[in-house]
Amino acid sequence: NLSDIVRRTVDDVYIPVCVGGGLRSVED
């Protein structure tokens, strides 16, 4: 459920962002 949070974050920060939780496939 982090898509919107990540999208808002990367608009403002310029460092690596790693995301986890509920990723089950290459498509995810």
mmCIF file of all heavy atoms, coordinates in Angstrom:
data_MODEL
# 
_entry.id   MODEL 
# 
loop_
_atom_site.group_PDB 
_atom_site.id 
_atom_site.type_symbol 
_atom_site.label_atom_id 
_atom_site.label_alt_id 
_atom_site.label_comp_id 
_atom_site.label_asym_id 
_atom_site.label_entity_id 
_atom_site.label_seq_id 
_atom_site.pdbx_PDB_ins_code 
_atom_site.Cartn_x 
_atom_site.Cartn_y 
_atom_site.Cartn_z 
_atom_site.occupancy 
_atom_site.B_iso_or_equiv 
_atom_site.pdbx_formal_charge 
_atom_site.auth_seq_id 
_atom_site.auth_comp_id 
_atom_site.auth_asym_id 
_atom_site.auth_atom_id 
_atom_site.pdbx_PDB_model_num 
ATOM 1   N N   . ASN A 1 1  ? 0.817  -1.209  0.000   1.00 0.00 ? 1  ASN A N   1 
ATOM 2   C CA  . ASN A 1 1  ? 0.000  0.000   0.000   1.00 0.00 ? 1  ASN A CA  1 
ATOM 3   C C   . ASN A 1 1  ? 0.853  1.262   0.000   1.00 0.00 ? 1  ASN A C   1 
ATOM 4   O O   . ASN A 1 1  ? 0.372  2.320   0.391   1.00 0.00 ? 1  ASN A O   1 
ATOM 5   C CB  . ASN A 1 1  ? -0.905 -0.017  1.246   1.00 0.00 ? 1  ASN A CB  1 
ATOM 6   C CG  . ASN A 1 1  ? -2.047 0.965   1.156   1.00 0.00 ? 1  ASN A CG  1 
ATOM 7   O OD1 . ASN A 1 1  ? -2.658 1.119   0.098   1.00 0.00 ? 1  ASN A OD1 1 
ATOM 8   N ND2 . ASN A 1 1  ? -2.345 1.646   2.254   1.00 0.00 ? 1  ASN A ND2 1 
ATOM 9   N N   . LEU A 1 2  ? 2.105  1.148   -0.442  1.00 0.00 ? 2  LEU A N   1 
ATOM 10  C CA  . LEU A 1 2  ? 3.035  2.264   -0.285  1.00 0.00 ? 2  LEU A CA  1 
ATOM 11  C C   . LEU A 1 2  ? 3.222  3.104   -1.538  1.00 0.00 ? 2  LEU A C   1 
ATOM 12  O O   . LEU A 1 2  ? 3.998  4.062   -1.513  1.00 0.00 ? 2  LEU A O   1 
ATOM 13  C CB  . LEU A 1 2  ? 4.399  1.727   0.163   1.00 0.00 ? 2  LEU A CB  1 
ATOM 14  C CG  . LEU A 1 2  ? 4.442  1.126   1.570   1.00 0.00 ? 2  LEU A CG  1 
ATOM 15  C CD1 . LEU A 1 2  ? 5.813  0.561   1.858   1.00 0.00 ? 2  LEU A CD1 1 
ATOM 16  C CD2 . LEU A 1 2  ? 4.072  2.167   2.619   1.00 0.00 ? 2  LEU A CD2 1 
ATOM 17  N N   . SER A 1 3  ? 2.540  2.807   -2.616  1.00 0.00 ? 3  SER A N   1 
ATOM 18  C CA  . SER A 1 3  ? 2.788  3.499   -3.879  1.00 0.00 ? 3  SER A CA  1 
ATOM 19  C C   . SER A 1 3  ? 2.685  5.013   -3.740  1.00 0.00 ? 3  SER A C   1 
ATOM 20  O O   . SER A 1 3  ? 3.577  5.755   -4.174  1.00 0.00 ? 3  SER A O   1 
ATOM 21  C CB  . SER A 1 3  ? 1.827  3.010   -4.963  1.00 0.00 ? 3  SER A CB  1 
ATOM 22  O OG  . SER A 1 3  ? 2.069  1.653   -5.259  1.00 0.00 ? 3  SER A OG  1 
ATOM 23  N N   . ASP A 1 4  ? 1.600  5.500   -3.150  1.00 0.00 ? 4  ASP A N   1 
ATOM 24  C CA  . ASP A 1 4  ? 1.404  6.941   -3.041  1.00 0.00 ? 4  ASP A CA  1 
ATOM 25  C C   . ASP A 1 4  ? 2.439  7.573   -2.111  1.00 0.00 ? 4  ASP A C   1 
ATOM 26  O O   . ASP A 1 4  ? 2.947  8.669   -2.379  1.00 0.00 ? 4  ASP A O   1 
ATOM 27  C CB  . ASP A 1 4  ? -0.007 7.246   -2.534  1.00 0.00 ? 4  ASP A CB  1 
ATOM 28  C CG  . ASP A 1 4  ? -1.063 6.951   -3.575  1.00 0.00 ? 4  ASP A CG  1 
ATOM 29  O OD1 . ASP A 1 4  ? -0.709 6.865   -4.770  1.00 0.00 ? 4  ASP A OD1 1 
ATOM 30  O OD2 . ASP A 1 4  ? -2.244 6.801   -3.201  1.00 0.00 ? 4  ASP A OD2 1 
ATOM 31  N N   . ILE A 1 5  ? 2.758  6.886   -1.022  1.00 0.00 ? 5  ILE A N   1 
ATOM 32  C CA  . ILE A 1 5  ? 3.752  7.407   -0.080  1.00 0.00 ? 5  ILE A CA  1 
ATOM 33  C C   . ILE A 1 5  ? 5.115  7.497   -0.751  1.00 0.00 ? 5  ILE A C   1 
ATOM 34  O O   . ILE A 1 5  ? 5.823  8.501   -0.621  1.00 0.00 ? 5  ILE A O   1 
ATOM 35  C CB  . ILE A 1 5  ? 3.806  6.518   1.178   1.00 0.00 ? 5  ILE A CB  1 
ATOM 36  C CG1 . ILE A 1 5  ? 2.518  6.676   1.987   1.00 0.00 ? 5  ILE A CG1 1 
ATOM 37  C CG2 . ILE A 1 5  ? 5.022  6.852   2.038   1.00 0.00 ? 5  ILE A CG2 1 
ATOM 38  C CD1 . ILE A 1 5  ? 2.374  5.702   3.139   1.00 0.00 ? 5  ILE A CD1 1 
ATOM 39  N N   . VAL A 1 6  ? 5.483  6.455   -1.492  1.00 0.00 ? 6  VAL A N   1 
ATOM 40  C CA  . VAL A 1 6  ? 6.778  6.466   -2.184  1.00 0.00 ? 6  VAL A CA  1 
ATOM 41  C C   . VAL A 1 6  ? 6.810  7.566   -3.237  1.00 0.00 ? 6  VAL A C   1 
ATOM 42  O O   . VAL A 1 6  ? 7.796  8.299   -3.360  1.00 0.00 ? 6  VAL A O   1 
ATOM 43  C CB  . VAL A 1 6  ? 7.054  5.094   -2.821  1.00 0.00 ? 6  VAL A CB  1 
ATOM 44  C CG1 . VAL A 1 6  ? 8.292  5.141   -3.709  1.00 0.00 ? 6  VAL A CG1 1 
ATOM 45  C CG2 . VAL A 1 6  ? 7.222  4.028   -1.742  1.00 0.00 ? 6  VAL A CG2 1 
ATOM 46  N N   . ARG A 1 7  ? 5.739  7.689   -3.980  1.00 0.00 ? 7  ARG A N   1 
ATOM 47  C CA  . ARG A 1 7  ? 5.694  8.716   -5.034  1.00 0.00 ? 7  ARG A CA  1 
ATOM 48  C C   . ARG A 1 7  ? 5.885  10.110  -4.442  1.00 0.00 ? 7  ARG A C   1 
ATOM 49  O O   . ARG A 1 7  ? 6.611  10.943  -4.995  1.00 0.00 ? 7  ARG A O   1 
ATOM 50  C CB  . ARG A 1 7  ? 4.360  8.641   -5.778  1.00 0.00 ? 7  ARG A CB  1 
ATOM 51  C CG  . ARG A 1 7  ? 4.312  9.517   -7.031  1.00 0.00 ? 7  ARG A CG  1 
ATOM 52  C CD  . ARG A 1 7  ? 2.929  9.574   -7.645  1.00 0.00 ? 7  ARG A CD  1 
ATOM 53  N NE  . ARG A 1 7  ? 2.465  8.287   -8.125  1.00 0.00 ? 7  ARG A NE  1 
ATOM 54  C CZ  . ARG A 1 7  ? 1.478  7.582   -7.600  1.00 0.00 ? 7  ARG A CZ  1 
ATOM 55  N NH1 . ARG A 1 7  ? 0.848  8.034   -6.520  1.00 0.00 ? 7  ARG A NH1 1 
ATOM 56  N NH2 . ARG A 1 7  ? 1.102  6.439   -8.122  1.00 0.00 ? 7  ARG A NH2 1 
ATOM 57  N N   . ARG A 1 8  ? 5.229  10.385  -3.312  1.00 0.00 ? 8  ARG A N   1 
ATOM 58  C CA  . ARG A 1 8  ? 5.381  11.700  -2.680  1.00 0.00 ? 8  ARG A CA  1 
ATOM 59  C C   . ARG A 1 8  ? 6.789  11.887  -2.125  1.00 0.00 ? 8  ARG A C   1 
ATOM 60  O O   . ARG A 1 8  ? 7.349  12.983  -2.197  1.00 0.00 ? 8  ARG A O   1 
ATOM 61  C CB  . ARG A 1 8  ? 4.347  11.878  -1.565  1.00 0.00 ? 8  ARG A CB  1 
ATOM 62  C CG  . ARG A 1 8  ? 2.921  11.986  -2.072  1.00 0.00 ? 8  ARG A CG  1 
ATOM 63  C CD  . ARG A 1 8  ? 1.992  12.590  -1.025  1.00 0.00 ? 8  ARG A CD  1 
ATOM 64  N NE  . ARG A 1 8  ? 1.970  11.851  0.225   1.00 0.00 ? 8  ARG A NE  1 
ATOM 65  C CZ  . ARG A 1 8  ? 1.151  10.818  0.465   1.00 0.00 ? 8  ARG A CZ  1 
ATOM 66  N NH1 . ARG A 1 8  ? 0.328  10.383  -0.488  1.00 0.00 ? 8  ARG A NH1 1 
ATOM 67  N NH2 . ARG A 1 8  ? 1.169  10.212  1.629   1.00 0.00 ? 8  ARG A NH2 1 
ATOM 68  N N   . THR A 1 9  ? 7.355  10.819  -1.588  1.00 0.00 ? 9  THR A N   1 
ATOM 69  C CA  . THR A 1 9  ? 8.701  10.919  -1.018  1.00 0.00 ? 9  THR A CA  1 
ATOM 70  C C   . THR A 1 9  ? 9.727  11.274  -2.080  1.00 0.00 ? 9  THR A C   1 
ATOM 71  O O   . THR A 1 9  ? 10.557 12.168  -1.887  1.00 0.00 ? 9  THR A O   1 
ATOM 72  C CB  . THR A 1 9  ? 9.087  9.596   -0.332  1.00 0.00 ? 9  THR A CB  1 
ATOM 73  O OG1 . THR A 1 9  ? 8.262  9.406   0.815   1.00 0.00 ? 9  THR A OG1 1 
ATOM 74  C CG2 . THR A 1 9  ? 10.542 9.614   0.107   1.00 0.00 ? 9  THR A CG2 1 
ATOM 75  N N   . VAL A 1 10 ? 9.700  10.569  -3.200  1.00 0.00 ? 10 VAL A N   1 
ATOM 76  C CA  . VAL A 1 10 ? 10.757 10.763  -4.200  1.00 0.00 ? 10 VAL A CA  1 
ATOM 77  C C   . VAL A 1 10 ? 10.646 12.106  -4.907  1.00 0.00 ? 10 VAL A C   1 
ATOM 78  O O   . VAL A 1 10 ? 11.584 12.528  -5.587  1.00 0.00 ? 10 VAL A O   1 
ATOM 79  C CB  . VAL A 1 10 ? 10.795 9.609   -5.220  1.00 0.00 ? 10 VAL A CB  1 
ATOM 80  C CG1 . VAL A 1 10 ? 11.097 8.294   -4.526  1.00 0.00 ? 10 VAL A CG1 1 
ATOM 81  C CG2 . VAL A 1 10 ? 9.499  9.522   -6.020  1.00 0.00 ? 10 VAL A CG2 1 
ATOM 82  N N   . ASP A 1 11 ? 9.530  12.788  -4.728  1.00 0.00 ? 11 ASP A N   1 
ATOM 83  C CA  . ASP A 1 11 ? 9.428  14.161  -5.247  1.00 0.00 ? 11 ASP A CA  1 
ATOM 84  C C   . ASP A 1 11 ? 10.296 15.109  -4.442  1.00 0.00 ? 11 ASP A C   1 
ATOM 85  O O   . ASP A 1 11 ? 10.687 16.176  -4.932  1.00 0.00 ? 11 ASP A O   1 
ATOM 86  C CB  . ASP A 1 11 ? 7.971  14.645  -5.205  1.00 0.00 ? 11 ASP A CB  1 
ATOM 87  C CG  . ASP A 1 11 ? 7.116  14.020  -6.300  1.00 0.00 ? 11 ASP A CG  1 
ATOM 88  O OD1 . ASP A 1 11 ? 7.703  13.512  -7.280  1.00 0.00 ? 11 ASP A OD1 1 
ATOM 89  O OD2 . ASP A 1 11 ? 5.879  14.032  -6.171  1.00 0.00 ? 11 ASP A OD2 1 
ATOM 90  N N   . ASP A 1 12 ? 10.587 14.732  -3.177  1.00 0.00 ? 12 ASP A N   1 
ATOM 91  C CA  . ASP A 1 12 ? 11.274 15.641  -2.259  1.00 0.00 ? 12 ASP A CA  1 
ATOM 92  C C   . ASP A 1 12 ? 12.661 15.194  -1.823  1.00 0.00 ? 12 ASP A C   1 
ATOM 93  O O   . ASP A 1 12 ? 13.426 15.990  -1.294  1.00 0.00 ? 12 ASP A O   1 
ATOM 94  C CB  . ASP A 1 12 ? 10.424 15.831  -0.986  1.00 0.00 ? 12 ASP A CB  1 
ATOM 95  C CG  . ASP A 1 12 ? 9.114  16.550  -1.257  1.00 0.00 ? 12 ASP A CG  1 
ATOM 96  O OD1 . ASP A 1 12 ? 9.095  17.413  -2.152  1.00 0.00 ? 12 ASP A OD1 1 
ATOM 97  O OD2 . ASP A 1 12 ? 8.117  16.246  -0.582  1.00 0.00 ? 12 ASP A OD2 1 
ATOM 98  N N   . VAL A 1 13 ? 12.981 13.920  -1.991  1.00 0.00 ? 13 VAL A N   1 
ATOM 99  C CA  . VAL A 1 13 ? 14.274 13.438  -1.511  1.00 0.00 ? 13 VAL A CA  1 
ATOM 100 C C   . VAL A 1 13 ? 15.059 12.817  -2.656  1.00 0.00 ? 13 VAL A C   1 
ATOM 101 O O   . VAL A 1 13 ? 14.481 12.301  -3.608  1.00 0.00 ? 13 VAL A O   1 
ATOM 102 C CB  . VAL A 1 13 ? 14.121 12.422  -0.362  1.00 0.00 ? 13 VAL A CB  1 
ATOM 103 C CG1 . VAL A 1 13 ? 13.221 12.964  0.730   1.00 0.00 ? 13 VAL A CG1 1 
ATOM 104 C CG2 . VAL A 1 13 ? 13.592 11.095  -0.856  1.00 0.00 ? 13 VAL A CG2 1 
ATOM 105 N N   . TYR A 1 14 ? 16.376 12.860  -2.528  1.00 0.00 ? 14 TYR A N   1 
ATOM 106 C CA  . TYR A 1 14 ? 17.254 12.406  -3.606  1.00 0.00 ? 14 TYR A CA  1 
ATOM 107 C C   . TYR A 1 14 ? 18.321 11.459  -3.068  1.00 0.00 ? 14 TYR A C   1 
ATOM 108 O O   . TYR A 1 14 ? 19.511 11.638  -3.298  1.00 0.00 ? 14 TYR A O   1 
ATOM 109 C CB  . TYR A 1 14 ? 17.865 13.610  -4.324  1.00 0.00 ? 14 TYR A CB  1 
ATOM 110 C CG  . TYR A 1 14 ? 16.801 14.581  -4.797  1.00 0.00 ? 14 TYR A CG  1 
ATOM 111 C CD1 . TYR A 1 14 ? 16.474 15.699  -4.049  1.00 0.00 ? 14 TYR A CD1 1 
ATOM 112 C CD2 . TYR A 1 14 ? 16.087 14.330  -5.962  1.00 0.00 ? 14 TYR A CD2 1 
ATOM 113 C CE1 . TYR A 1 14 ? 15.478 16.570  -4.464  1.00 0.00 ? 14 TYR A CE1 1 
ATOM 114 C CE2 . TYR A 1 14 ? 15.087 15.192  -6.391  1.00 0.00 ? 14 TYR A CE2 1 
ATOM 115 C CZ  . TYR A 1 14 ? 14.789 16.303  -5.640  1.00 0.00 ? 14 TYR A CZ  1 
ATOM 116 O OH  . TYR A 1 14 ? 13.785 17.147  -6.055  1.00 0.00 ? 14 TYR A OH  1 
ATOM 117 N N   . ILE A 1 15 ? 17.851 10.478  -2.320  1.00 0.00 ? 15 ILE A N   1 
ATOM 118 C CA  . ILE A 1 15 ? 18.706 9.417   -1.799  1.00 0.00 ? 15 ILE A CA  1 
ATOM 119 C C   . ILE A 1 15 ? 18.000 8.094   -2.105  1.00 0.00 ? 15 ILE A C   1 
ATOM 120 O O   . ILE A 1 15 ? 16.808 8.071   -2.418  1.00 0.00 ? 15 ILE A O   1 
ATOM 121 C CB  . ILE A 1 15 ? 18.940 9.555   -0.282  1.00 0.00 ? 15 ILE A CB  1 
ATOM 122 C CG1 . ILE A 1 15 ? 17.602 9.644   0.468   1.00 0.00 ? 15 ILE A CG1 1 
ATOM 123 C CG2 . ILE A 1 15 ? 19.830 10.763  0.024   1.00 0.00 ? 15 ILE A CG2 1 
ATOM 124 C CD1 . ILE A 1 15 ? 17.731 9.685   1.985   1.00 0.00 ? 15 ILE A CD1 1 
ATOM 125 N N   . PRO A 1 16 ? 18.716 6.974   -2.022  1.00 0.00 ? 16 PRO A N   1 
ATOM 126 C CA  . PRO A 1 16 ? 18.071 5.685   -2.318  1.00 0.00 ? 16 PRO A CA  1 
ATOM 127 C C   . PRO A 1 16 ? 16.892 5.388   -1.399  1.00 0.00 ? 16 PRO A C   1 
ATOM 128 O O   . PRO A 1 16 ? 16.929 5.663   -0.198  1.00 0.00 ? 16 PRO A O   1 
ATOM 129 C CB  . PRO A 1 16 ? 19.206 4.681   -2.116  1.00 0.00 ? 16 PRO A CB  1 
ATOM 130 C CG  . PRO A 1 16 ? 20.455 5.470   -2.364  1.00 0.00 ? 16 PRO A CG  1 
ATOM 131 C CD  . PRO A 1 16 ? 20.171 6.837   -1.813  1.00 0.00 ? 16 PRO A CD  1 
ATOM 132 N N   . VAL A 1 17 ? 15.851 4.826   -1.991  1.00 0.00 ? 17 VAL A N   1 
ATOM 133 C CA  . VAL A 1 17 ? 14.657 4.417   -1.257  1.00 0.00 ? 17 VAL A CA  1 
ATOM 134 C C   . VAL A 1 17 ? 14.421 2.934   -1.517  1.00 0.00 ? 17 VAL A C   1 
ATOM 135 O O   . VAL A 1 17 ? 14.333 2.498   -2.664  1.00 0.00 ? 17 VAL A O   1 
ATOM 136 C CB  . VAL A 1 17 ? 13.424 5.228   -1.700  1.00 0.00 ? 17 VAL A CB  1 
ATOM 137 C CG1 . VAL A 1 17 ? 12.166 4.704   -1.001  1.00 0.00 ? 17 VAL A CG1 1 
ATOM 138 C CG2 . VAL A 1 17 ? 13.617 6.713   -1.411  1.00 0.00 ? 17 VAL A CG2 1 
ATOM 139 N N   . CYS A 1 18 ? 14.334 2.165   -0.440  1.00 0.00 ? 18 CYS A N   1 
ATOM 140 C CA  . CYS A 1 18 ? 14.034 0.736   -0.525  1.00 0.00 ? 18 CYS A CA  1 
ATOM 141 C C   . CYS A 1 18 ? 12.634 0.515   0.040   1.00 0.00 ? 18 CYS A C   1 
ATOM 142 O O   . CYS A 1 18 ? 12.271 1.123   1.057   1.00 0.00 ? 18 CYS A O   1 
ATOM 143 C CB  . CYS A 1 18 ? 15.063 -0.075  0.262   1.00 0.00 ? 18 CYS A CB  1 
ATOM 144 S SG  . CYS A 1 18 ? 14.810 -1.874  0.208   1.00 0.00 ? 18 CYS A SG  1 
ATOM 145 N N   . VAL A 1 19 ? 11.877 -0.356  -0.618  1.00 0.00 ? 19 VAL A N   1 
ATOM 146 C CA  . VAL A 1 19 ? 10.491 -0.594  -0.216  1.00 0.00 ? 19 VAL A CA  1 
ATOM 147 C C   . VAL A 1 19 ? 10.260 -2.086  -0.022  1.00 0.00 ? 19 VAL A C   1 
ATOM 148 O O   . VAL A 1 19 ? 10.696 -2.900  -0.843  1.00 0.00 ? 19 VAL A O   1 
ATOM 149 C CB  . VAL A 1 19 ? 9.507  -0.051  -1.268  1.00 0.00 ? 19 VAL A CB  1 
ATOM 150 C CG1 . VAL A 1 19 ? 8.061  -0.383  -0.889  1.00 0.00 ? 19 VAL A CG1 1 
ATOM 151 C CG2 . VAL A 1 19 ? 9.669  1.461   -1.427  1.00 0.00 ? 19 VAL A CG2 1 
ATOM 152 N N   . GLY A 1 20 ? 9.580  -2.444  1.051   1.00 0.00 ? 20 GLY A N   1 
ATOM 153 C CA  . GLY A 1 20 ? 9.266  -3.842  1.310   1.00 0.00 ? 20 GLY A CA  1 
ATOM 154 C C   . GLY A 1 20 ? 7.849  -4.015  1.810   1.00 0.00 ? 20 GLY A C   1 
ATOM 155 O O   . GLY A 1 20 ? 7.202  -3.069  2.252   1.00 0.00 ? 20 GLY A O   1 
ATOM 156 N N   . GLY A 1 21 ? 7.374  -5.254  1.724   1.00 0.00 ? 21 GLY A N   1 
ATOM 157 C CA  . GLY A 1 21 ? 6.049  -5.589  2.217   1.00 0.00 ? 21 GLY A CA  1 
ATOM 158 C C   . GLY A 1 21 ? 5.088  -5.925  1.093   1.00 0.00 ? 21 GLY A C   1 
ATOM 159 O O   . GLY A 1 21 ? 4.763  -5.072  0.275   1.00 0.00 ? 21 GLY A O   1 
ATOM 160 N N   . GLY A 1 22 ? 4.656  -7.172  1.034   1.00 0.00 ? 22 GLY A N   1 
ATOM 161 C CA  . GLY A 1 22 ? 3.615  -7.562  0.102   1.00 0.00 ? 22 GLY A CA  1 
ATOM 162 C C   . GLY A 1 22 ? 4.015  -7.676  -1.352  1.00 0.00 ? 22 GLY A C   1 
ATOM 163 O O   . GLY A 1 22 ? 3.155  -7.800  -2.219  1.00 0.00 ? 22 GLY A O   1 
ATOM 164 N N   . LEU A 1 23 ? 5.299  -7.654  -1.648  1.00 0.00 ? 23 LEU A N   1 
ATOM 165 C CA  . LEU A 1 23 ? 5.761  -7.774  -3.028  1.00 0.00 ? 23 LEU A CA  1 
ATOM 166 C C   . LEU A 1 23 ? 5.926  -9.253  -3.353  1.00 0.00 ? 23 LEU A C   1 
ATOM 167 O O   . LEU A 1 23 ? 6.761  -9.938  -2.782  1.00 0.00 ? 23 LEU A O   1 
ATOM 168 C CB  . LEU A 1 23 ? 7.076  -7.016  -3.215  1.00 0.00 ? 23 LEU A CB  1 
ATOM 169 C CG  . LEU A 1 23 ? 7.012  -5.527  -2.852  1.00 0.00 ? 23 LEU A CG  1 
ATOM 170 C CD1 . LEU A 1 23 ? 8.396  -4.909  -2.861  1.00 0.00 ? 23 LEU A CD1 1 
ATOM 171 C CD2 . LEU A 1 23 ? 6.080  -4.782  -3.793  1.00 0.00 ? 23 LEU A CD2 1 
ATOM 172 N N   . ARG A 1 24 ? 5.124  -9.741  -4.308  1.00 0.00 ? 24 ARG A N   1 
ATOM 173 C CA  . ARG A 1 24 ? 5.035  -11.185 -4.531  1.00 0.00 ? 24 ARG A CA  1 
ATOM 174 C C   . ARG A 1 24 ? 5.458  -11.625 -5.921  1.00 0.00 ? 24 ARG A C   1 
ATOM 175 O O   . ARG A 1 24 ? 5.478  -12.820 -6.207  1.00 0.00 ? 24 ARG A O   1 
ATOM 176 C CB  . ARG A 1 24 ? 3.593  -11.652 -4.283  1.00 0.00 ? 24 ARG A CB  1 
ATOM 177 C CG  . ARG A 1 24 ? 3.118  -11.481 -2.865  1.00 0.00 ? 24 ARG A CG  1 
ATOM 178 C CD  . ARG A 1 24 ? 1.630  -11.741 -2.771  1.00 0.00 ? 24 ARG A CD  1 
ATOM 179 N NE  . ARG A 1 24 ? 0.886  -10.722 -3.515  1.00 0.00 ? 24 ARG A NE  1 
ATOM 180 C CZ  . ARG A 1 24 ? -0.311 -10.917 -4.051  1.00 0.00 ? 24 ARG A CZ  1 
ATOM 181 N NH1 . ARG A 1 24 ? -0.881 -12.105 -3.971  1.00 0.00 ? 24 ARG A NH1 1 
ATOM 182 N NH2 . ARG A 1 24 ? -0.924 -9.947  -4.693  1.00 0.00 ? 24 ARG A NH2 1 
ATOM 183 N N   . SER A 1 25 ? 5.772  -10.655 -6.805  1.00 0.00 ? 25 SER A N   1 
ATOM 184 C CA  . SER A 1 25 ? 6.057  -11.020 -8.192  1.00 0.00 ? 25 SER A CA  1 
ATOM 185 C C   . SER A 1 25 ? 6.937  -9.956  -8.835  1.00 0.00 ? 25 SER A C   1 
ATOM 186 O O   . SER A 1 25 ? 7.110  -8.846  -8.302  1.00 0.00 ? 25 SER A O   1 
ATOM 187 C CB  . SER A 1 25 ? 4.756  -11.128 -8.988  1.00 0.00 ? 25 SER A CB  1 
ATOM 188 O OG  . SER A 1 25 ? 4.131  -9.854  -9.088  1.00 0.00 ? 25 SER A OG  1 
ATOM 189 N N   . VAL A 1 26 ? 7.485  -10.305 -9.990  1.00 0.00 ? 26 VAL A N   1 
ATOM 190 C CA  . VAL A 1 26 ? 8.252  -9.331  -10.769 1.00 0.00 ? 26 VAL A CA  1 
ATOM 191 C C   . VAL A 1 26 ? 7.375  -8.135  -11.117 1.00 0.00 ? 26 VAL A C   1 
ATOM 192 O O   . VAL A 1 26 ? 7.833  -6.987  -11.098 1.00 0.00 ? 26 VAL A O   1 
ATOM 193 C CB  . VAL A 1 26 ? 8.817  -9.994  -12.042 1.00 0.00 ? 26 VAL A CB  1 
ATOM 194 C CG1 . VAL A 1 26 ? 9.376  -8.948  -13.003 1.00 0.00 ? 26 VAL A CG1 1 
ATOM 195 C CG2 . VAL A 1 26 ? 9.901  -11.007 -11.672 1.00 0.00 ? 26 VAL A CG2 1 
ATOM 196 N N   . GLU A 1 27 ? 6.104  -8.380  -11.387 1.00 0.00 ? 27 GLU A N   1 
ATOM 197 C CA  . GLU A 1 27 ? 5.188  -7.287  -11.724 1.00 0.00 ? 27 GLU A CA  1 
ATOM 198 C C   . GLU A 1 27 ? 4.986  -6.352  -10.544 1.00 0.00 ? 27 GLU A C   1 
ATOM 199 O O   . GLU A 1 27 ? 4.930  -5.117  -10.714 1.00 0.00 ? 27 GLU A O   1 
ATOM 200 C CB  . GLU A 1 27 ? 3.842  -7.853  -12.184 1.00 0.00 ? 27 GLU A CB  1 
ATOM 201 C CG  . GLU A 1 27 ? 3.877  -8.546  -13.532 1.00 0.00 ? 27 GLU A CG  1 
ATOM 202 C CD  . GLU A 1 27 ? 4.623  -9.883  -13.510 1.00 0.00 ? 27 GLU A CD  1 
ATOM 203 O OE1 . GLU A 1 27 ? 4.662  -10.532 -12.426 1.00 0.00 ? 27 GLU A OE1 1 
ATOM 204 O OE2 . GLU A 1 27 ? 5.177  -10.273 -14.553 1.00 0.00 ? 27 GLU A OE2 1 
ATOM 205 N N   . ASP A 1 28 ? 4.876  -6.905  -9.336  1.00 0.00 ? 28 ASP A N   1 
ATOM 206 C CA  . ASP A 1 28 ? 4.751  -6.066  -8.139  1.00 0.00 ? 28 ASP A CA  1 
ATOM 207 C C   . ASP A 1 28 ? 5.988  -5.196  -7.970  1.00 0.00 ? 28 ASP A C   1 
ATOM 208 O O   . ASP A 1 28 ? 5.896  -4.011  -7.623  1.00 0.00 ? 28 ASP A O   1 
ATOM 209 C CB  . ASP A 1 28 ? 4.582  -6.934  -6.889  1.00 0.00 ? 28 ASP A CB  1 
ATOM 210 C CG  . ASP A 1 28 ? 3.222  -7.600  -6.801  1.00 0.00 ? 28 ASP A CG  1 
ATOM 211 O OD1 . ASP A 1 28 ? 2.303  -7.199  -7.541  1.00 0.00 ? 28 ASP A OD1 1 
ATOM 212 O OD2 . ASP A 1 28 ? 3.084  -8.536  -5.984  1.00 0.00 ? 28 ASP A OD2 1 
# 
